[in-house]
C-alpha cells in the first residue's frame, strides 16, 4: 500500500507526513520557490508562509544576474547623493 507522503494543508502550504513539518511552495515571478517552515504547528506555518510571501515581494528578481562589480557601482552612485558628513569613512 502506497502512503501519501505530502498533504496539501492550504494554498501554497504542504505538510510532510512522516515528520509533520510544514513547507511552503510558492510561485512568484514565474519561478517556483520552496522552503521548509520549520514548524509542526498549522497556525505558525500559516504566519511563516505569509512572511515568506512578503519577503518574495520585496526582492527584485531582475537583479538576480547582476555581477558584484555592478552592485558596487550602483551603491557608489547612491553615496554621491549623501551629505558630506554621511560620506565620512
Protein backbone atom coordinates (compact mmCIF):
# COMPACT_ATOMS: atom_id res chain seq x y z
CA UNK A 1 0.00 0.00 0.00
CA UNK A 2 1.36 3.40 -1.01
CA UNK A 3 1.20 6.11 1.64
CA UNK A 4 0.71 9.75 0.74
CA UNK A 5 3.88 11.46 1.88
CA UNK A 6 2.66 15.03 1.27
CA UNK A 7 -0.65 16.56 2.29
CA UNK A 8 -1.86 19.90 0.95
CA UNK A 9 -2.98 21.89 4.00
CA UNK A 10 -3.79 25.24 2.38
CA UNK A 11 -2.87 27.24 -0.69
CA UNK A 12 0.93 27.05 -1.06
CA UNK A 13 1.24 25.12 2.22
CA UNK A 14 2.16 21.42 2.38
CA UNK A 15 2.72 19.05 5.30
CA UNK A 16 5.31 16.27 5.13
CA UNK A 17 3.51 13.39 6.86
CA UNK A 18 6.46 11.35 8.22
CA UNK A 19 7.78 14.32 10.26
CA UNK A 20 4.75 16.61 10.43
CA UNK A 21 6.81 19.58 9.20
CA UNK A 22 5.21 22.26 7.00
CA UNK A 23 6.70 23.50 3.74
CA UNK A 24 5.91 26.50 1.54
CA UNK A 25 5.58 26.08 -2.21
CA UNK A 26 5.11 29.49 -3.84
CA UNK A 27 5.27 30.52 -7.48
CA UNK A 28 6.42 34.12 -7.80
CA UNK A 29 7.51 35.88 -10.98
CA UNK A 30 7.26 32.63 -12.94
CA UNK A 31 9.69 30.82 -10.63
CA UNK A 32 8.89 28.17 -8.04
CA UNK A 33 10.19 28.80 -4.51
CA UNK A 34 10.16 26.05 -1.88
CA UNK A 35 11.12 26.46 1.75
CA UNK A 36 10.87 24.45 4.95
CA UNK A 37 8.95 26.49 7.50
CA UNK A 38 10.47 24.66 10.47
CA UNK A 39 7.30 24.02 12.45
CA UNK A 40 4.69 21.36 13.13
CA UNK A 41 2.04 23.91 14.16
CA UNK A 42 -0.51 24.81 11.47
CA UNK A 43 -1.20 28.38 12.66
CA UNK A 44 2.50 29.19 12.94
CA UNK A 45 3.09 27.69 9.50
CA UNK A 46 0.41 29.99 8.04
CA UNK A 47 2.12 33.04 9.59
CA UNK A 48 5.54 31.95 8.34
CA UNK A 49 4.08 31.36 4.87
CA UNK A 50 2.72 34.90 4.88
CA UNK A 51 6.14 36.27 5.91
CA UNK A 52 7.81 34.21 3.17
CA UNK A 53 5.43 35.57 0.52
CA UNK A 54 6.01 39.14 1.72
CA UNK A 55 9.78 38.64 1.56
CA UNK A 56 9.48 37.41 -2.02
CA UNK A 57 7.51 40.51 -2.91
CA UNK A 58 10.28 42.75 -1.59
CA UNK A 59 13.02 41.15 -3.68
CA UNK A 60 13.96 42.37 -7.15
CA UNK A 61 14.16 39.36 -9.48
CA UNK A 62 15.76 41.47 -12.22
CA UNK A 63 18.87 41.91 -10.05
CA UNK A 64 19.49 38.15 -9.92
CA UNK A 65 22.09 38.08 -12.69
CA UNK A 66 23.90 41.24 -11.61
CA UNK A 67 27.64 40.98 -11.02
CA UNK A 68 29.19 42.10 -7.76
CA UNK A 69 31.04 44.91 -9.55
CA UNK A 70 27.79 46.28 -10.94
CA UNK A 71 26.24 46.25 -7.48
CA UNK A 72 29.25 48.15 -6.11
CA UNK A 73 28.95 50.73 -8.88
CA UNK A 74 25.26 51.22 -8.13
CA UNK A 75 25.99 51.55 -4.42
CA UNK A 76 28.79 54.03 -5.13
CA UNK A 77 26.46 56.19 -7.19
CA UNK A 78 23.99 56.40 -4.31
CA UNK A 79 26.74 57.54 -1.94
CA UNK A 80 27.27 60.69 -4.01
CA UNK A 81 23.75 61.82 -3.12
CA UNK A 82 24.51 61.80 0.60
CA UNK A 83 25.68 64.81 2.57
CA UNK A 84 29.38 65.37 3.33
CA UNK A 85 29.04 64.22 6.94
CA UNK A 86 27.37 60.98 5.84
CA UNK A 87 30.19 60.15 3.39
CA UNK A 88 32.92 60.10 6.06
CA UNK A 89 34.85 56.86 6.42
